[in-house]
Amino acid sequence: MKILAVCTGSAEILPGKSYRTGIFKHPVEAGVMVDREGLIGDRICNRKHHGGVDQAVYALGSIDLDWWSKELGRKLEPGTFGENLVIEGADSRRISVGDRFSTDRIELEVTSARIPCATLAARMEDPGFPKRFLAAGRPGFYCRVLKDGVVQAGDAVTLRAYSGLPVLMPELLETFGRTVSGKDRDRYLAAPIHHKLRAELSRA
């Protein structure tokens, strides 16, 4: 397992929109410093819904990207969905909150699934894409940074699975905005889940 691509973006205006977004990511060859807020130099425009310590890095598995390429009938380049990292051999359907990805220089911990939004729909030039994204169950995964350092394409990656009861990415998509059972709520709260979701579950 290794880092296939490291992607960053600048602020760009979406076609037909008036606001700027950092969703347009492009692979970079040089190493990029990663701290608790994400990749240095990567632009995040909407801080209300994107970025922050529990969404510092957005990663996608190569299995996910290959699946979407087949599904959409065209080759998707790294960064298409706004992901910062593409990880060889990773499949977001099998990734749980609490899983950790490590290189010799950084360590990331999975916190939540990526939820599709209007910006993603505009990026893909398909108003119905969010529903398609939800149905596919391949959302990629947000991570917090446990160890700062430099990340670069080609870095070897070790995956350490969460030791507790798993909370998988497709499940987070399915239950987003819905009331979960008491048993599932306890399982979610036992995992190192995104602080916003933790707050919502704690109020329930």
C-alpha atoms as a PDB file:
ATOM      1  CA  MET A   1       0.000   0.000   0.000  1.00  0.00           C
ATOM      2  CA  LYS A   2       1.315   3.452  -0.883  1.00  0.00           C
ATOM      3  CA  ILE A   3       0.316   7.038  -1.605  1.00  0.00           C
ATOM      4  CA  LEU A   4      -0.514   7.169  -5.309  1.00  0.00           C
ATOM      5  CA  ALA A   5      -1.209  10.898  -5.447  1.00  0.00           C
ATOM      6  CA  VAL A   6      -1.054  14.001  -3.267  1.00  0.00           C
ATOM      7  CA  CYS A   7      -3.450  16.706  -4.463  1.00  0.00           C
ATOM      8  CA  THR A   8      -3.890  20.359  -3.568  1.00  0.00           C
ATOM      9  CA  GLY A   9      -6.014  23.148  -5.011  1.00  0.00           C
ATOM     10  CA  SER A  10      -6.417  26.885  -5.230  1.00  0.00           C
ATOM     11  CA  ALA A  11      -9.596  28.965  -5.017  1.00  0.00           C
ATOM     12  CA  GLU A  12     -11.532  28.751  -8.291  1.00  0.00           C
ATOM     13  CA  ILE A  13     -15.017  29.806  -9.359  1.00  0.00           C
ATOM     14  CA  LEU A  14     -17.339  26.991 -10.395  1.00  0.00           C
ATOM     15  CA  PRO A  15     -18.982  27.385 -13.816  1.00  0.00           C
ATOM     16  CA  GLY A  16     -22.361  29.061 -13.340  1.00  0.00           C
ATOM     17  CA  LYS A  17     -21.628  29.950  -9.714  1.00  0.00           C
ATOM     18  CA  SER A  18     -20.447  33.137  -8.040  1.00  0.00           C
ATOM     19  CA  TYR A  19     -18.514  31.663  -5.146  1.00  0.00           C
ATOM     20  CA  ARG A  20     -15.007  30.262  -4.996  1.00  0.00           C
ATOM     21  CA  THR A  21     -14.220  26.690  -4.060  1.00  0.00           C
ATOM     22  CA  GLY A  22     -11.136  24.626  -3.401  1.00  0.00           C
ATOM     23  CA  ILE A  23     -12.653  21.421  -4.813  1.00  0.00           C
ATOM     24  CA  PHE A  24     -10.462  21.511  -7.918  1.00  0.00           C
ATOM     25  CA  LYS A  25      -7.447  19.525  -6.713  1.00  0.00           C
ATOM     26  CA  HIS A  26      -4.455  18.556  -8.828  1.00  0.00           C
ATOM     27  CA  PRO A  27      -1.599  16.128  -8.148  1.00  0.00           C
ATOM     28  CA  VAL A  28       1.737  17.568  -7.065  1.00  0.00           C
ATOM     29  CA  GLU A  29       5.067  15.800  -7.344  1.00  0.00           C
ATOM     30  CA  ALA A  30       6.908  17.473  -4.489  1.00  0.00           C
ATOM     31  CA  GLY A  31       6.387  16.609  -0.845  1.00  0.00           C
ATOM     32  CA  VAL A  32       3.719  18.617   0.994  1.00  0.00           C
ATOM     33  CA  MET A  33       3.741  19.473   4.683  1.00  0.00           C
ATOM     34  CA  VAL A  34       0.704  18.255   6.612  1.00  0.00           C
ATOM     35  CA  ASP A  35      -0.286  19.720   9.971  1.00  0.00           C
ATOM     36  CA  ARG A  36      -3.381  19.527  12.166  1.00  0.00           C
ATOM     37  CA  GLU A  37      -5.315  21.766   9.732  1.00  0.00           C
ATOM     38  CA  GLY A  38      -4.408  19.815   6.596  1.00  0.00           C
ATOM     39  CA  LEU A  39      -2.045  20.181   3.658  1.00  0.00           C
ATOM     40  CA  ILE A  40      -0.077  23.413   3.658  1.00  0.00           C
ATOM     41  CA  GLY A  41      -0.949  25.452   0.575  1.00  0.00           C
ATOM     42  CA  ASP A  42      -4.245  23.661  -0.083  1.00  0.00           C
ATOM     43  CA  ARG A  43      -7.086  26.170  -0.296  1.00  0.00           C
ATOM     44  CA  ILE A  44     -10.299  25.598   1.679  1.00  0.00           C
ATOM     45  CA  CYS A  45     -12.902  28.278   0.974  1.00  0.00           C
ATOM     46  CA  ASN A  46     -15.952  27.219   2.991  1.00  0.00           C
ATOM     47  CA  ARG A  47     -14.701  26.690   6.509  1.00  0.00           C
ATOM     48  CA  LYS A  48     -18.211  26.139   7.845  1.00  0.00           C
ATOM     49  CA  HIS A  49     -18.529  22.774   6.119  1.00  0.00           C
ATOM     50  CA  HIS A  50     -14.984  21.895   5.078  1.00  0.00           C
ATOM     51  CA  GLY A  51     -11.621  21.666   6.765  1.00  0.00           C
ATOM     52  CA  GLY A  52     -10.904  21.811  10.476  1.00  0.00           C
ATOM     53  CA  VAL A  53      -9.006  19.353  12.622  1.00  0.00           C
ATOM     54  CA  ASP A  54     -11.432  16.452  12.059  1.00  0.00           C
ATOM     55  CA  GLN A  55     -11.598  17.046   8.295  1.00  0.00           C
ATOM     56  CA  ALA A  56      -7.969  17.992   7.822  1.00  0.00           C
ATOM     57  CA  VAL A  57      -7.308  15.475   5.052  1.00  0.00           C
ATOM     58  CA  TYR A  58      -9.759  13.958   2.571  1.00  0.00           C
ATOM     59  CA  ALA A  59      -8.601  10.610   1.184  1.00  0.00           C
ATOM     60  CA  LEU A  60      -9.910   8.257  -1.455  1.00  0.00           C
ATOM     61  CA  GLY A  61      -8.872   4.691  -2.192  1.00  0.00           C
ATOM     62  CA  SER A  62      -7.553   3.707  -5.609  1.00  0.00           C
ATOM     63  CA  ILE A  63     -10.296   1.063  -5.664  1.00  0.00           C
ATOM     64  CA  ASP A  64     -12.886   3.825  -5.268  1.00  0.00           C
ATOM     65  CA  LEU A  65     -11.378   5.977  -7.998  1.00  0.00           C
ATOM     66  CA  ASP A  66     -11.139   3.014 -10.393  1.00  0.00           C
ATOM     67  CA  TRP A  67     -14.761   2.069  -9.654  1.00  0.00           C
ATOM     68  CA  TRP A  68     -15.977   5.592 -10.366  1.00  0.00           C
ATOM     69  CA  SER A  69     -13.993   5.687 -13.616  1.00  0.00           C
ATOM     70  CA  LYS A  70     -15.813   2.560 -14.794  1.00  0.00           C
ATOM     71  CA  GLU A  71     -19.156   3.813 -13.500  1.00  0.00           C
ATOM     72  CA  LEU A  72     -18.870   7.171 -15.280  1.00  0.00           C
ATOM     73  CA  GLY A  73     -17.244   5.764 -18.395  1.00  0.00           C
ATOM     74  CA  ARG A  74     -14.178   7.985 -18.320  1.00  0.00           C
ATOM     75  CA  LYS A  75     -10.792   8.039 -16.672  1.00  0.00           C
ATOM     76  CA  LEU A  76     -10.943  10.098 -13.500  1.00  0.00           C
ATOM     77  CA  GLU A  77      -7.723  11.772 -12.491  1.00  0.00           C
ATOM     78  CA  PRO A  78      -6.626  12.042  -8.845  1.00  0.00           C
ATOM     79  CA  GLY A  79      -8.246  15.075  -7.244  1.00  0.00           C
ATOM     80  CA  THR A  80     -11.508  14.808  -9.217  1.00  0.00           C
ATOM     81  CA  PHE A  81     -13.639  14.598  -6.070  1.00  0.00           C
ATOM     82  CA  GLY A  82     -11.542  17.133  -4.193  1.00  0.00           C
ATOM     83  CA  GLU A  83      -9.490  14.465  -2.447  1.00  0.00           C
ATOM     84  CA  ASN A  84      -6.070  15.295  -1.032  1.00  0.00           C
ATOM     85  CA  LEU A  85      -4.727  11.744  -1.101  1.00  0.00           C
ATOM     86  CA  VAL A  86      -5.293   8.667  -3.235  1.00  0.00           C
ATOM     87  CA  ILE A  87      -4.187   5.543  -1.375  1.00  0.00           C
ATOM     88  CA  GLU A  88      -3.310   2.420  -3.329  1.00  0.00           C
ATOM     89  CA  GLY A  89      -5.468  -0.587  -2.484  1.00  0.00           C
ATOM     90  CA  ALA A  90      -7.804   1.262  -0.134  1.00  0.00           C
ATOM     91  CA  ASP A  91     -11.565   0.724  -0.528  1.00  0.00           C
ATOM     92  CA  SER A  92     -13.711   3.208   1.402  1.00  0.00           C
ATOM     93  CA  ARG A  93     -16.519   0.638   1.712  1.00  0.00           C
ATOM     94  CA  ARG A  94     -14.245  -1.239   4.111  1.00  0.00           C
ATOM     95  CA  ILE A  95     -12.819   1.717   6.018  1.00  0.00           C
ATOM     96  CA  SER A  96     -13.995   2.407   9.576  1.00  0.00           C
ATOM     97  CA  VAL A  97     -13.841   5.402  11.847  1.00  0.00           C
ATOM     98  CA  GLY A  98     -10.682   4.946  13.889  1.00  0.00           C
ATOM     99  CA  ASP A  99      -8.639   3.225  11.183  1.00  0.00           C
ATOM    100  CA  ARG A 100      -5.158   4.715  10.977  1.00  0.00           C
ATOM    101  CA  PHE A 101      -2.994   5.287   7.920  1.00  0.00           C
ATOM    102  CA  SER A 102       0.705   5.849   8.601  1.00  0.00           C
ATOM    103  CA  THR A 103       3.811   6.582   6.591  1.00  0.00           C
ATOM    104  CA  ASP A 104       7.295   7.072   8.024  1.00  0.00           C
ATOM    105  CA  ARG A 105       6.462  10.758   8.457  1.00  0.00           C
ATOM    106  CA  ILE A 106       2.711  11.220   9.111  1.00  0.00           C
ATOM    107  CA  GLU A 107      -0.181   9.461  10.826  1.00  0.00           C
ATOM    108  CA  LEU A 108      -3.858   9.949   9.992  1.00  0.00           C
ATOM    109  CA  GLU A 109      -6.983   8.736  11.805  1.00  0.00           C
ATOM    110  CA  VAL A 110     -10.308   8.292  10.005  1.00  0.00           C
ATOM    111  CA  THR A 111     -13.135  10.370  11.490  1.00  0.00           C
ATOM    112  CA  SER A 112     -16.043  10.396   9.031  1.00  0.00           C
ATOM    113  CA  ALA A 113     -17.340   9.885   5.502  1.00  0.00           C
ATOM    114  CA  ARG A 114     -17.510  12.585   2.874  1.00  0.00           C
ATOM    115  CA  ILE A 115     -21.124  13.741   2.426  1.00  0.00           C
ATOM    116  CA  PRO A 116     -21.963  14.995  -1.098  1.00  0.00           C
ATOM    117  CA  CYS A 117     -23.050  18.590  -1.572  1.00  0.00           C
ATOM    118  CA  ALA A 118     -24.110  21.091  -4.235  1.00  0.00           C
ATOM    119  CA  THR A 119     -20.476  21.978  -4.888  1.00  0.00           C
ATOM    120  CA  LEU A 120     -19.694  18.359  -5.767  1.00  0.00           C
ATOM    121  CA  ALA A 121     -22.741  18.272  -8.053  1.00  0.00           C
ATOM    122  CA  ALA A 122     -21.512  21.395  -9.852  1.00  0.00           C
ATOM    123  CA  ARG A 123     -17.984  20.001 -10.049  1.00  0.00           C
ATOM    124  CA  MET A 124     -19.293  16.830 -11.705  1.00  0.00           C
ATOM    125  CA  GLU A 125     -21.696  18.859 -13.888  1.00  0.00           C
ATOM    126  CA  ASP A 126     -24.595  16.677 -12.746  1.00  0.00           C
ATOM    127  CA  PRO A 127     -27.354  18.017 -10.422  1.00  0.00           C
ATOM    128  CA  GLY A 128     -28.279  14.437  -9.539  1.00  0.00           C
ATOM    129  CA  PHE A 129     -24.774  13.365  -8.648  1.00  0.00           C
ATOM    130  CA  PRO A 130     -25.145  13.654  -4.836  1.00  0.00           C
ATOM    131  CA  LYS A 131     -27.863  10.958  -4.873  1.00  0.00           C
ATOM    132  CA  ARG A 132     -25.685   8.804  -7.075  1.00  0.00           C
ATOM    133  CA  PHE A 133     -22.741   9.361  -4.745  1.00  0.00           C
ATOM    134  CA  LEU A 134     -24.803   8.356  -1.710  1.00  0.00           C
ATOM    135  CA  ALA A 135     -26.134   5.229  -3.419  1.00  0.00           C
ATOM    136  CA  ALA A 136     -22.649   4.100  -4.441  1.00  0.00           C
ATOM    137  CA  GLY A 137     -21.407   3.903  -0.847  1.00  0.00           C
ATOM    138  CA  ARG A 138     -17.869   4.879  -1.861  1.00  0.00           C
ATOM    139  CA  PRO A 139     -17.471   8.307  -0.240  1.00  0.00           C
ATOM    140  CA  GLY A 140     -13.825   8.348   0.654  1.00  0.00           C
ATOM    141  CA  PHE A 141     -12.937   9.328   4.199  1.00  0.00           C
ATOM    142  CA  TYR A 142     -11.950  12.367   6.224  1.00  0.00           C
ATOM    143  CA  CYS A 143      -9.028  12.127   8.620  1.00  0.00           C
ATOM    144  CA  ARG A 144      -7.533  14.029  11.499  1.00  0.00           C
ATOM    145  CA  VAL A 145      -3.755  14.370  11.641  1.00  0.00           C
ATOM    146  CA  LEU A 146      -2.166  12.629  14.610  1.00  0.00           C
ATOM    147  CA  LYS A 147       1.423  13.175  13.483  1.00  0.00           C
ATOM    148  CA  ASP A 148       2.536  16.184  11.431  1.00  0.00           C
ATOM    149  CA  GLY A 149       5.004  15.700   8.627  1.00  0.00           C
ATOM    150  CA  VAL A 150       5.609  15.654   4.905  1.00  0.00           C
ATOM    151  CA  VAL A 151       3.586  13.470   2.537  1.00  0.00           C
ATOM    152  CA  GLN A 152       4.607  12.623  -1.009  1.00  0.00           C
ATOM    153  CA  ALA A 153       3.399  10.385  -3.797  1.00  0.00           C
ATOM    154  CA  GLY A 154       5.169   7.043  -3.535  1.00  0.00           C
ATOM    155  CA  ASP A 155       5.310   6.989   0.273  1.00  0.00           C
ATOM    156  CA  ALA A 156       4.652   3.513   1.692  1.00  0.00           C
ATOM    157  CA  VAL A 157       1.503   3.324   3.821  1.00  0.00           C
ATOM    158  CA  THR A 158       0.558   1.057   6.708  1.00  0.00           C
ATOM    159  CA  LEU A 159      -3.115   0.591   7.632  1.00  0.00           C
ATOM    160  CA  ARG A 160      -3.914  -0.226  11.247  1.00  0.00           C
ATOM    161  CA  ALA A 161      -7.553  -1.214  11.665  1.00  0.00           C
ATOM    162  CA  TYR A 162      -9.622   0.234  14.517  1.00  0.00           C
ATOM    163  CA  SER A 163      -9.713  -2.225  17.411  1.00  0.00           C
ATOM    164  CA  GLY A 164     -13.284  -1.471  18.494  1.00  0.00           C
ATOM    165  CA  LEU A 165     -16.633  -2.154  16.864  1.00  0.00           C
ATOM    166  CA  PRO A 166     -16.414  -0.704  13.338  1.00  0.00           C
ATOM    167  CA  VAL A 167     -18.388   2.244  12.014  1.00  0.00           C
ATOM    168  CA  LEU A 168     -17.983   1.867   8.246  1.00  0.00           C
ATOM    169  CA  MET A 169     -18.130   4.684   5.708  1.00  0.00           C
ATOM    170  CA  PRO A 170     -21.201   3.345   3.805  1.00  0.00           C
ATOM    171  CA  GLU A 171     -23.061   3.125   7.105  1.00  0.00           C
ATOM    172  CA  LEU A 172     -22.311   6.772   7.865  1.00  0.00           C
ATOM    173  CA  LEU A 173     -23.771   7.702   4.480  1.00  0.00           C
ATOM    174  CA  GLU A 174     -26.904   5.637   5.091  1.00  0.00           C
ATOM    175  CA  THR A 175     -27.541   7.114   8.546  1.00  0.00           C
ATOM    176  CA  PHE A 176     -26.606  10.719   7.775  1.00  0.00           C
ATOM    177  CA  GLY A 177     -29.347  13.012   9.085  1.00  0.00           C
ATOM    178  CA  ARG A 178     -31.313  10.081  10.483  1.00  0.00           C
ATOM    179  CA  THR A 179     -31.985   8.854  13.986  1.00  0.00           C
ATOM    180  CA  VAL A 180     -29.932   5.786  14.866  1.00  0.00           C
ATOM    181  CA  SER A 181     -30.804   3.109  17.393  1.00  0.00           C
ATOM    182  CA  GLY A 182     -29.468   3.365  20.913  1.00  0.00           C
ATOM    183  CA  LYS A 183     -27.087   0.472  20.251  1.00  0.00           C
ATOM    184  CA  ASP A 184     -25.701   2.109  17.113  1.00  0.00           C
ATOM    185  CA  ARG A 185     -25.474   5.450  18.880  1.00  0.00           C
ATOM    186  CA  ASP A 186     -23.312   3.904  21.591  1.00  0.00           C
ATOM    187  CA  ARG A 187     -21.132   2.229  18.974  1.00  0.00           C
ATOM    188  CA  TYR A 188     -20.680   5.504  17.101  1.00  0.00           C
ATOM    189  CA  LEU A 189     -19.792   7.381  20.276  1.00  0.00           C
ATOM    190  CA  ALA A 190     -17.270   4.721  21.307  1.00  0.00           C
ATOM    191  CA  ALA A 191     -15.300   5.395  18.109  1.00  0.00           C
ATOM    192  CA  PRO A 192     -13.070   8.476  17.554  1.00  0.00           C
ATOM    193  CA  ILE A 193     -15.736  10.020  15.350  1.00  0.00           C
ATOM    194  CA  HIS A 194     -15.874  13.577  13.930  1.00  0.00           C
ATOM    195  CA  HIS A 195     -16.591  16.073  16.730  1.00  0.00           C
ATOM    196  CA  LYS A 196     -19.663  17.535  14.980  1.00  0.00           C
ATOM    197  CA  LEU A 197     -21.296  14.132  14.636  1.00  0.00           C
ATOM    198  CA  ARG A 198     -20.346  13.334  18.220  1.00  0.00           C
ATOM    199  CA  ALA A 199     -22.093  16.498  19.384  1.00  0.00           C
ATOM    200  CA  GLU A 200     -25.225  15.647  17.392  1.00  0.00           C
ATOM    201  CA  LEU A 201     -25.341  12.104  18.778  1.00  0.00           C
ATOM    202  CA  SER A 202     -24.736  13.331  22.317  1.00  0.00           C
ATOM    203  CA  ARG A 203     -27.781  15.622  22.061  1.00  0.00           C
ATOM    204  CA  ALA A 204     -30.022  12.831  20.797  1.00  0.00           C
END
